[in-house]
C-alpha atoms as a PDB file:
ATOM      1  CA  UNK A   1      65.427  83.886  -9.188  1.00  0.00           C
ATOM      2  CA  UNK A   2      63.584  83.034 -12.402  1.00  0.00           C
ATOM      3  CA  UNK A   3      61.435  85.765 -13.941  1.00  0.00           C
ATOM      4  CA  UNK A   4      59.197  83.219 -15.639  1.00  0.00           C
ATOM      5  CA  UNK A   5      56.957  81.052 -13.503  1.00  0.00           C
ATOM      6  CA  UNK A   6      56.356  78.669 -16.398  1.00  0.00           C
ATOM      7  CA  UNK A   7      58.317  78.130 -19.612  1.00  0.00           C
ATOM      8  CA  UNK A   8      56.988  75.700 -22.185  1.00  0.00           C
ATOM      9  CA  UNK A   9      59.643  75.033 -24.812  1.00  0.00           C
ATOM     10  CA  UNK A  10      58.691  73.330 -28.107  1.00  0.00           C
ATOM     11  CA  UNK A  11      56.455  70.868 -26.271  1.00  0.00           C
ATOM     12  CA  UNK A  12      54.925  67.965 -28.197  1.00  0.00           C
ATOM     13  CA  UNK A  13      52.944  65.120 -26.669  1.00  0.00           C
ATOM     14  CA  UNK A  14      51.009  62.077 -27.780  1.00  0.00           C
ATOM     15  CA  UNK A  15      48.584  59.379 -26.711  1.00  0.00           C
ATOM     16  CA  UNK A  16      49.902  56.149 -28.144  1.00  0.00           C
ATOM     17  CA  UNK A  17      50.970  57.003 -31.688  1.00  0.00           C
ATOM     18  CA  UNK A  18      48.600  59.968 -32.038  1.00  0.00           C
ATOM     19  CA  UNK A  19      50.204  63.407 -31.657  1.00  0.00           C
ATOM     20  CA  UNK A  20      47.954  65.716 -29.665  1.00  0.00           C
ATOM     21  CA  UNK A  21      50.249  68.657 -28.812  1.00  0.00           C
ATOM     22  CA  UNK A  22      52.495  70.043 -31.521  1.00  0.00           C
ATOM     23  CA  UNK A  23      55.574  72.183 -30.762  1.00  0.00           C
ATOM     24  CA  UNK A  24      53.958  74.464 -28.155  1.00  0.00           C
ATOM     25  CA  UNK A  25      55.994  77.307 -26.671  1.00  0.00           C
ATOM     26  CA  UNK A  26      54.835  79.962 -24.211  1.00  0.00           C
ATOM     27  CA  UNK A  27      56.105  81.762 -21.125  1.00  0.00           C
ATOM     28  CA  UNK A  28      54.067  82.868 -18.113  1.00  0.00           C
ATOM     29  CA  UNK A  29      55.792  85.381 -15.860  1.00  0.00           C
ATOM     30  CA  UNK A  30      55.226  85.541 -12.129  1.00  0.00           C
ATOM     31  CA  UNK A  31      51.874  87.124 -11.347  1.00  0.00           C
ATOM     32  CA  UNK A  32      50.603  86.999 -14.926  1.00  0.00           C
ATOM     33  CA  UNK A  33      47.219  85.754 -16.108  1.00  0.00           C
ATOM     34  CA  UNK A  34      47.191  83.905 -19.420  1.00  0.00           C
ATOM     35  CA  UNK A  35      44.048  82.642 -21.144  1.00  0.00           C
ATOM     36  CA  UNK A  36      43.953  79.625 -23.454  1.00  0.00           C
ATOM     37  CA  UNK A  37      41.043  79.436 -25.906  1.00  0.00           C
ATOM     38  CA  UNK A  38      40.193  77.452 -29.003  1.00  0.00           C
ATOM     39  CA  UNK A  39      37.557  75.289 -30.689  1.00  0.00           C
ATOM     40  CA  UNK A  40      36.335  72.033 -29.147  1.00  0.00           C
ATOM     41  CA  UNK A  41      38.933  69.282 -29.433  1.00  0.00           C
ATOM     42  CA  UNK A  42      41.810  71.722 -29.857  1.00  0.00           C
ATOM     43  CA  UNK A  43      43.878  70.137 -27.065  1.00  0.00           C
ATOM     44  CA  UNK A  44      43.362  72.767 -24.354  1.00  0.00           C
ATOM     45  CA  UNK A  45      42.580  70.341 -21.524  1.00  0.00           C
ATOM     46  CA  UNK A  46      45.291  68.020 -22.827  1.00  0.00           C
ATOM     47  CA  UNK A  47      47.867  70.785 -22.362  1.00  0.00           C
ATOM     48  CA  UNK A  48      46.690  71.321 -18.783  1.00  0.00           C
ATOM     49  CA  UNK A  49      46.957  67.621 -17.939  1.00  0.00           C
ATOM     50  CA  UNK A  50      50.351  67.352 -19.620  1.00  0.00           C
ATOM     51  CA  UNK A  51      51.677  70.295 -17.609  1.00  0.00           C
ATOM     52  CA  UNK A  52      50.386  68.610 -14.453  1.00  0.00           C
ATOM     53  CA  UNK A  53      52.160  65.345 -15.339  1.00  0.00           C
ATOM     54  CA  UNK A  54      49.266  63.044 -16.223  1.00  0.00           C
ATOM     55  CA  UNK A  55      50.654  59.601 -17.159  1.00  0.00           C
ATOM     56  CA  UNK A  56      48.000  59.360 -19.890  1.00  0.00           C
ATOM     57  CA  UNK A  57      50.091  61.641 -22.107  1.00  0.00           C
ATOM     58  CA  UNK A  58      53.648  61.028 -23.308  1.00  0.00           C
ATOM     59  CA  UNK A  59      55.923  64.002 -23.912  1.00  0.00           C
ATOM     60  CA  UNK A  60      57.758  63.280 -27.155  1.00  0.00           C
ATOM     61  CA  UNK A  61      59.864  66.449 -27.333  1.00  0.00           C
ATOM     62  CA  UNK A  62      60.400  69.764 -25.598  1.00  0.00           C
ATOM     63  CA  UNK A  63      60.688  70.864 -21.994  1.00  0.00           C
ATOM     64  CA  UNK A  64      58.600  72.256 -19.141  1.00  0.00           C
ATOM     65  CA  UNK A  65      60.469  74.662 -16.867  1.00  0.00           C
ATOM     66  CA  UNK A  66      58.696  75.632 -13.655  1.00  0.00           C
ATOM     67  CA  UNK A  67      60.126  78.411 -11.489  1.00  0.00           C
ATOM     68  CA  UNK A  68      63.539  77.868 -13.064  1.00  0.00           C
ATOM     69  CA  UNK A  69      63.565  74.060 -12.668  1.00  0.00           C
ATOM     70  CA  UNK A  70      63.093  71.519 -15.472  1.00  0.00           C
ATOM     71  CA  UNK A  71      60.121  69.355 -14.416  1.00  0.00           C
ATOM     72  CA  UNK A  72      59.604  67.563 -17.753  1.00  0.00           C
ATOM     73  CA  UNK A  73      60.283  64.146 -16.211  1.00  0.00           C
ATOM     74  CA  UNK A  74      58.674  64.783 -12.806  1.00  0.00           C
ATOM     75  CA  UNK A  75      55.626  62.864 -11.576  1.00  0.00           C
ATOM     76  CA  UNK A  76      52.379  64.711 -10.866  1.00  0.00           C
ATOM     77  CA  UNK A  77      52.797  64.627  -7.078  1.00  0.00           C
ATOM     78  CA  UNK A  78      56.214  66.257  -7.305  1.00  0.00           C
ATOM     79  CA  UNK A  79      54.802  69.002  -9.541  1.00  0.00           C
ATOM     80  CA  UNK A  80      52.010  69.605  -7.027  1.00  0.00           C
ATOM     81  CA  UNK A  81      54.514  69.899  -4.196  1.00  0.00           C
ATOM     82  CA  UNK A  82      56.535  72.361  -6.306  1.00  0.00           C
ATOM     83  CA  UNK A  83      53.449  74.589  -6.499  1.00  0.00           C
ATOM     84  CA  UNK A  84      51.317  73.647  -9.536  1.00  0.00           C
ATOM     85  CA  UNK A  85      47.552  73.301  -9.145  1.00  0.00           C
ATOM     86  CA  UNK A  86      45.111  71.932 -11.711  1.00  0.00           C
ATOM     87  CA  UNK A  87      41.348  72.294 -11.381  1.00  0.00           C
ATOM     88  CA  UNK A  88      39.247  69.689 -13.154  1.00  0.00           C
ATOM     89  CA  UNK A  89      36.712  70.457 -15.851  1.00  0.00           C
ATOM     90  CA  UNK A  90      34.564  67.723 -14.295  1.00  0.00           C
ATOM     91  CA  UNK A  91      35.556  67.424 -10.603  1.00  0.00           C
ATOM     92  CA  UNK A  92      35.599  63.859  -9.298  1.00  0.00           C
ATOM     93  CA  UNK A  93      33.348  62.601  -6.516  1.00  0.00           C
ATOM     94  CA  UNK A  94      35.250  60.904  -3.699  1.00  0.00           C
ATOM     95  CA  UNK A  95      33.017  59.005  -1.244  1.00  0.00           C
ATOM     96  CA  UNK A  96      34.392  58.427   2.233  1.00  0.00           C
ATOM     97  CA  UNK A  97      36.539  61.537   2.591  1.00  0.00           C
ATOM     98  CA  UNK A  98      35.163  64.932   3.527  1.00  0.00           C
ATOM     99  CA  UNK A  99      35.999  68.139   1.692  1.00  0.00           C
ATOM    100  CA  UNK A 100      37.688  69.466   4.841  1.00  0.00           C
ATOM    101  CA  UNK A 101      39.778  66.306   5.341  1.00  0.00           C
ATOM    102  CA  UNK A 102      40.794  66.248   1.677  1.00  0.00           C
ATOM    103  CA  UNK A 103      42.032  69.847   1.723  1.00  0.00           C
ATOM    104  CA  UNK A 104      43.801  69.376   5.070  1.00  0.00           C
ATOM    105  CA  UNK A 105      45.556  66.235   3.805  1.00  0.00           C
ATOM    106  CA  UNK A 106      46.494  67.935   0.520  1.00  0.00           C
ATOM    107  CA  UNK A 107      47.908  70.935   2.355  1.00  0.00           C
ATOM    108  CA  UNK A 108      49.999  68.696   4.575  1.00  0.00           C
ATOM    109  CA  UNK A 109      51.302  66.737   1.571  1.00  0.00           C
ATOM    110  CA  UNK A 110      52.173  69.866  -0.392  1.00  0.00           C
ATOM    111  CA  UNK A 111      53.861  71.772   2.455  1.00  0.00           C
ATOM    112  CA  UNK A 112      55.355  68.770   4.247  1.00  0.00           C
ATOM    113  CA  UNK A 113      54.273  70.365   7.529  1.00  0.00           C
ATOM    114  CA  UNK A 114      51.679  69.398  10.124  1.00  0.00           C
ATOM    115  CA  UNK A 115      48.518  71.472   9.739  1.00  0.00           C
ATOM    116  CA  UNK A 116      47.467  73.489  12.788  1.00  0.00           C
ATOM    117  CA  UNK A 117      43.794  72.606  13.073  1.00  0.00           C
ATOM    118  CA  UNK A 118      42.455  75.806  14.661  1.00  0.00           C
ATOM    119  CA  UNK A 119      44.174  78.112  12.175  1.00  0.00           C
ATOM    120  CA  UNK A 120      43.217  75.818   9.285  1.00  0.00           C
ATOM    121  CA  UNK A 121      39.529  75.745  10.296  1.00  0.00           C
ATOM    122  CA  UNK A 122      39.410  79.523  10.675  1.00  0.00           C
ATOM    123  CA  UNK A 123      41.007  80.046   7.257  1.00  0.00           C
ATOM    124  CA  UNK A 124      38.688  77.549   5.594  1.00  0.00           C
ATOM    125  CA  UNK A 125      35.593  79.185   7.088  1.00  0.00           C
ATOM    126  CA  UNK A 126      36.801  82.556   5.804  1.00  0.00           C
ATOM    127  CA  UNK A 127      37.354  81.267   2.267  1.00  0.00           C
ATOM    128  CA  UNK A 128      34.045  79.392   2.203  1.00  0.00           C
ATOM    129  CA  UNK A 129      32.278  82.597   3.220  1.00  0.00           C
ATOM    130  CA  UNK A 130      34.017  84.410   0.349  1.00  0.00           C
ATOM    131  CA  UNK A 131      32.721  81.755  -2.064  1.00  0.00           C
ATOM    132  CA  UNK A 132      29.232  81.795  -0.513  1.00  0.00           C
ATOM    133  CA  UNK A 133      29.493  78.101   0.332  1.00  0.00           C
ATOM    134  CA  UNK A 134      27.324  76.568   3.020  1.00  0.00           C
ATOM    135  CA  UNK A 135      29.688  75.688   5.936  1.00  0.00           C
ATOM    136  CA  UNK A 136      28.091  72.223   6.143  1.00  0.00           C
ATOM    137  CA  UNK A 137      29.764  71.300   2.839  1.00  0.00           C
ATOM    138  CA  UNK A 138      33.092  71.084   4.696  1.00  0.00           C
ATOM    139  CA  UNK A 139      31.967  67.858   6.378  1.00  0.00           C
ATOM    140  CA  UNK A 140      30.299  66.311   3.327  1.00  0.00           C
ATOM    141  CA  UNK A 141      32.039  63.719   1.168  1.00  0.00           C
ATOM    142  CA  UNK A 142      34.153  65.426  -1.475  1.00  0.00           C
ATOM    143  CA  UNK A 143      31.842  66.548  -4.309  1.00  0.00           C
ATOM    144  CA  UNK A 144      29.339  63.757  -3.578  1.00  0.00           C
ATOM    145  CA  UNK A 145      25.848  65.142  -4.160  1.00  0.00           C
ATOM    146  CA  UNK A 146      27.263  68.594  -4.892  1.00  0.00           C
ATOM    147  CA  UNK A 147      25.620  70.595  -7.654  1.00  0.00           C
ATOM    148  CA  UNK A 148      27.780  71.547 -10.636  1.00  0.00           C
ATOM    149  CA  UNK A 149      28.263  75.010  -9.176  1.00  0.00           C
ATOM    150  CA  UNK A 150      29.232  73.711  -5.742  1.00  0.00           C
ATOM    151  CA  UNK A 151      31.772  71.329  -7.300  1.00  0.00           C
ATOM    152  CA  UNK A 152      33.423  74.251  -9.085  1.00  0.00           C
ATOM    153  CA  UNK A 153      33.386  76.302  -5.904  1.00  0.00           C
ATOM    154  CA  UNK A 154      35.055  73.438  -4.040  1.00  0.00           C
ATOM    155  CA  UNK A 155      37.849  73.540  -6.643  1.00  0.00           C
ATOM    156  CA  UNK A 156      38.354  77.260  -6.059  1.00  0.00           C
ATOM    157  CA  UNK A 157      38.237  76.655  -2.298  1.00  0.00           C
ATOM    158  CA  UNK A 158      41.122  74.209  -2.720  1.00  0.00           C
ATOM    159  CA  UNK A 159      42.968  76.844  -4.751  1.00  0.00           C
ATOM    160  CA  UNK A 160      42.516  79.444  -2.006  1.00  0.00           C
ATOM    161  CA  UNK A 161      43.607  77.042   0.724  1.00  0.00           C
ATOM    162  CA  UNK A 162      46.603  75.459  -1.045  1.00  0.00           C
ATOM    163  CA  UNK A 163      47.899  78.774  -2.460  1.00  0.00           C
ATOM    164  CA  UNK A 164      49.973  77.336  -5.342  1.00  0.00           C
ATOM    165  CA  UNK A 165      52.481  79.341  -7.359  1.00  0.00           C
ATOM    166  CA  UNK A 166      50.703  78.453 -10.621  1.00  0.00           C
ATOM    167  CA  UNK A 167      47.036  77.588 -11.059  1.00  0.00           C
ATOM    168  CA  UNK A 168      45.781  75.896 -14.233  1.00  0.00           C
ATOM    169  CA  UNK A 169      41.995  76.274 -14.324  1.00  0.00           C
ATOM    170  CA  UNK A 170      40.298  73.979 -16.825  1.00  0.00           C
ATOM    171  CA  UNK A 171      36.914  75.472 -17.765  1.00  0.00           C
ATOM    172  CA  UNK A 172      36.076  76.260 -14.153  1.00  0.00           C
ATOM    173  CA  UNK A 173      33.172  78.386 -15.402  1.00  0.00           C
ATOM    174  CA  UNK A 174      31.459  75.690 -17.504  1.00  0.00           C
ATOM    175  CA  UNK A 175      27.906  74.917 -16.434  1.00  0.00           C
ATOM    176  CA  UNK A 176      27.692  77.818 -13.976  1.00  0.00           C
ATOM    177  CA  UNK A 177      24.924  80.393 -13.798  1.00  0.00           C
ATOM    178  CA  UNK A 178      25.737  84.117 -13.839  1.00  0.00           C
ATOM    179  CA  UNK A 179      25.869  84.490 -10.049  1.00  0.00           C
ATOM    180  CA  UNK A 180      28.114  81.443  -9.614  1.00  0.00           C
ATOM    181  CA  UNK A 181      30.465  82.708 -12.336  1.00  0.00           C
ATOM    182  CA  UNK A 182      30.810  86.026 -10.477  1.00  0.00           C
ATOM    183  CA  UNK A 183      31.531  84.215  -7.209  1.00  0.00           C
ATOM    184  CA  UNK A 184      34.132  81.928  -8.770  1.00  0.00           C
ATOM    185  CA  UNK A 185      35.732  84.891 -10.555  1.00  0.00           C
ATOM    186  CA  UNK A 186      35.927  86.723  -7.224  1.00  0.00           C
ATOM    187  CA  UNK A 187      37.642  83.683  -5.710  1.00  0.00           C
ATOM    188  CA  UNK A 188      40.226  83.636  -8.520  1.00  0.00           C
ATOM    189  CA  UNK A 189      40.820  87.359  -8.078  1.00  0.00           C
ATOM    190  CA  UNK A 190      41.276  86.855  -4.327  1.00  0.00           C
ATOM    191  CA  UNK A 191      43.760  84.011  -4.927  1.00  0.00           C
ATOM    192  CA  UNK A 192      45.952  86.306  -6.976  1.00  0.00           C
ATOM    193  CA  UNK A 193      45.692  89.134  -4.436  1.00  0.00           C
ATOM    194  CA  UNK A 194      46.686  86.806  -1.602  1.00  0.00           C
ATOM    195  CA  UNK A 195      49.523  84.996  -3.352  1.00  0.00           C
ATOM    196  CA  UNK A 196      50.626  86.953  -6.425  1.00  0.00           C
ATOM    197  CA  UNK A 197      50.401  83.618  -8.195  1.00  0.00           C
ATOM    198  CA  UNK A 198      50.278  82.990 -11.935  1.00  0.00           C
ATOM    199  CA  UNK A 199      47.242  81.673 -13.784  1.00  0.00           C
ATOM    200  CA  UNK A 200      46.593  79.728 -16.966  1.00  0.00           C
ATOM    201  CA  UNK A 201      42.833  79.861 -17.523  1.00  0.00           C
ATOM    202  CA  UNK A 202      41.364  77.457 -20.077  1.00  0.00           C
ATOM    203  CA  UNK A 203      37.898  78.636 -21.079  1.00  0.00           C
ATOM    204  CA  UNK A 204      35.250  78.901 -23.781  1.00  0.00           C
ATOM    205  CA  UNK A 205      33.447  81.722 -21.998  1.00  0.00           C
ATOM    206  CA  UNK A 206      34.795  85.153 -21.094  1.00  0.00           C
ATOM    207  CA  UNK A 207      32.447  86.108 -18.262  1.00  0.00           C
ATOM    208  CA  UNK A 208      34.850  84.674 -15.699  1.00  0.00           C
ATOM    209  CA  UNK A 209      37.545  87.024 -17.018  1.00  0.00           C
ATOM    210  CA  UNK A 210      35.598  90.275 -16.656  1.00  0.00           C
ATOM    211  CA  UNK A 211      37.089  91.239 -13.270  1.00  0.00           C
ATOM    212  CA  UNK A 212      40.572  89.917 -14.061  1.00  0.00           C
ATOM    213  CA  UNK A 213      43.464  91.611 -15.844  1.00  0.00           C
ATOM    214  CA  UNK A 214      44.487  89.258 -18.642  1.00  0.00           C
ATOM    215  CA  UNK A 215      48.112  89.700 -19.716  1.00  0.00           C
ATOM    216  CA  UNK A 216      48.083  87.355 -22.702  1.00  0.00           C
ATOM    217  CA  UNK A 217      45.626  85.218 -24.631  1.00  0.00           C
ATOM    218  CA  UNK A 218      46.519  82.217 -26.781  1.00  0.00           C
ATOM    219  CA  UNK A 219      44.470  80.404 -29.421  1.00  0.00           C
ATOM    220  CA  UNK A 220      45.047  76.657 -29.675  1.00  0.00           C
ATOM    221  CA  UNK A 221      43.904  74.733 -32.759  1.00  0.00           C
ATOM    222  CA  UNK A 222      44.684  71.073 -33.504  1.00  0.00           C
ATOM    223  CA  UNK A 223      47.308  70.993 -30.761  1.00  0.00           C
ATOM    224  CA  UNK A 224      49.156  74.081 -32.025  1.00  0.00           C
ATOM    225  CA  UNK A 225      49.187  77.652 -30.719  1.00  0.00           C
ATOM    226  CA  UNK A 226      48.187  79.569 -33.842  1.00  0.00           C
ATOM    227  CA  UNK A 227      47.927  83.077 -32.381  1.00  0.00           C
ATOM    228  CA  UNK A 228      48.984  84.986 -29.253  1.00  0.00           C
ATOM    229  CA  UNK A 229      47.941  88.474 -28.246  1.00  0.00           C
ATOM    230  CA  UNK A 230      47.167  90.668 -25.265  1.00  0.00           C
ATOM    231  CA  UNK A 231      43.854  90.756 -23.412  1.00  0.00           C
ATOM    232  CA  UNK A 232      42.139  92.542 -26.315  1.00  0.00           C
ATOM    233  CA  UNK A 233      42.338  89.310 -28.317  1.00  0.00           C
ATOM    234  CA  UNK A 234      39.517  87.909 -26.159  1.00  0.00           C
ATOM    235  CA  UNK A 235      37.121  90.605 -27.357  1.00  0.00           C
ATOM    236  CA  UNK A 236      38.101  89.905 -30.954  1.00  0.00           C
ATOM    237  CA  UNK A 237      37.237  86.237 -30.459  1.00  0.00           C
ATOM    238  CA  UNK A 238      33.912  87.182 -28.880  1.00  0.00           C
ATOM    239  CA  UNK A 239      33.026  89.308 -31.889  1.00  0.00           C
ATOM    240  CA  UNK A 240      34.425  87.234 -34.755  1.00  0.00           C
ATOM    241  CA  UNK A 241      35.072  83.717 -33.476  1.00  0.00           C
ATOM    242  CA  UNK A 242      38.195  81.644 -34.155  1.00  0.00           C
ATOM    243  CA  UNK A 243      37.947  81.210 -37.912  1.00  0.00           C
ATOM    244  CA  UNK A 244      40.098  84.159 -38.975  1.00  0.00           C
ATOM    245  CA  UNK A 245      42.928  83.004 -36.711  1.00  0.00           C
ATOM    246  CA  UNK A 246      43.089  79.452 -38.078  1.00  0.00           C
ATOM    247  CA  UNK A 247      45.894  79.039 -40.654  1.00  0.00           C
ATOM    248  CA  UNK A 248      44.915  77.957 -44.181  1.00  0.00           C
ATOM    249  CA  UNK A 249      46.932  74.729 -43.927  1.00  0.00           C
ATOM    250  CA  UNK A 250      44.971  73.621 -40.848  1.00  0.00           C
ATOM    251  CA  UNK A 251      41.656  74.418 -42.540  1.00  0.00           C
ATOM    252  CA  UNK A 252      42.745  72.397 -45.576  1.00  0.00           C
ATOM    253  CA  UNK A 253      43.812  69.468 -43.387  1.00  0.00           C
ATOM    254  CA  UNK A 254      40.438  69.561 -41.616  1.00  0.00           C
ATOM    255  CA  UNK A 255      38.635  69.616 -44.984  1.00  0.00           C
ATOM    256  CA  UNK A 256      40.552  66.529 -46.126  1.00  0.00           C
ATOM    257  CA  UNK A 257      39.841  64.751 -42.826  1.00  0.00           C
ATOM    258  CA  UNK A 258      36.104  65.371 -43.256  1.00  0.00           C
ATOM    259  CA  UNK A 259      36.192  64.117 -46.853  1.00  0.00           C
ATOM    260  CA  UNK A 260      38.058  60.979 -45.820  1.00  0.00           C
ATOM    261  CA  UNK A 261      35.637  60.378 -42.962  1.00  0.00           C
ATOM    262  CA  UNK A 262      32.662  60.804 -45.309  1.00  0.00           C
ATOM    263  CA  UNK A 263      34.223  58.421 -47.863  1.00  0.00           C
ATOM    264  CA  UNK A 264      34.924  55.842 -45.146  1.00  0.00           C
ATOM    265  CA  UNK A 265      31.343  56.112 -43.850  1.00  0.00           C
ATOM    266  CA  UNK A 266      30.005  55.624 -47.393  1.00  0.00           C
ATOM    267  CA  UNK A 267      32.166  52.523 -47.905  1.00  0.00           C
ATOM    268  CA  UNK A 268      31.039  51.075 -44.581  1.00  0.00           C
ATOM    269  CA  UNK A 269      27.407  51.675 -45.574  1.00  0.00           C
ATOM    270  CA  UNK A 270      27.953  49.836 -48.879  1.00  0.00           C
ATOM    271  CA  UNK A 271      29.640  46.900 -47.077  1.00  0.00           C
ATOM    272  CA  UNK A 272      26.805  46.710 -44.578  1.00  0.00           C
ATOM    273  CA  UNK A 273      24.247  46.734 -47.356  1.00  0.00           C
ATOM    274  CA  UNK A 274      26.061  43.930 -49.173  1.00  0.00           C
ATOM    275  CA  UNK A 275      26.294  41.891 -45.971  1.00  0.00           C
ATOM    276  CA  UNK A 276      22.552  42.320 -45.495  1.00  0.00           C
ATOM    277  CA  UNK A 277      21.733  40.827 -48.885  1.00  0.00           C
ATOM    278  CA  UNK A 278      22.635  43.452 -51.439  1.00  0.00           C
ATOM    279  CA  UNK A 279      21.137  46.659 -52.716  1.00  0.00           C
ATOM    280  CA  UNK A 280      17.386  47.161 -52.697  1.00  0.00           C
ATOM    281  CA  UNK A 281      15.741  46.751 -56.081  1.00  0.00           C
END
């Protein structure tokens, strides 16, 4: 049996001709919690979607090994059935299907077994109570008319009901107030207690991590993991930000990009001025 739940080996990916992930390697052992942080536009969500098998991204090199099996070429549905779960940063609204029906259908698809309705309903009520969700939300269309906090809670409810081996949580805490963050964090903690599952938590904030034991933290910049440490790295980031962890060559590349963008904008302004009749006298 594999010790690692997830092995990412020299993974690079692109959208069209643009490289967005660059030679990423990391291992998540069974039961571990890893945190992925980095500046806006670093590629954090992209990594989550790539691991889940989104067709939007093309893997150009490297491998993804899940629970000892190479899933690099697998479709998203096969990865879900194998035990990978991805929460959305902005959960989709799905009119016409209730939250309860969606979770029941998902559970049946993932397990390949018929869901026993009485046991399912009892379990769902228990998990909704844990998340302080109004029971009436079970019969409402999935995420339709839900507040931002309720949408995030519905994602964690799905996590608790589906019980995957690996959960990738993409900024589940974004847009939540303090009380909602505590509730969601409690749900994540309960998931791990119930399943012993592994977690990759993508976040800008650290409040959701306060009740969780973080095994490793990774900093992603421009599609590259530039630093890895234990849970104490999160406090360092809180105090000092990301700047000291960004390699000089990346800073220089960013500086050149900004200069080129400024030069291009200036040239466009000159062209526009000429097209409008020339420079003002």
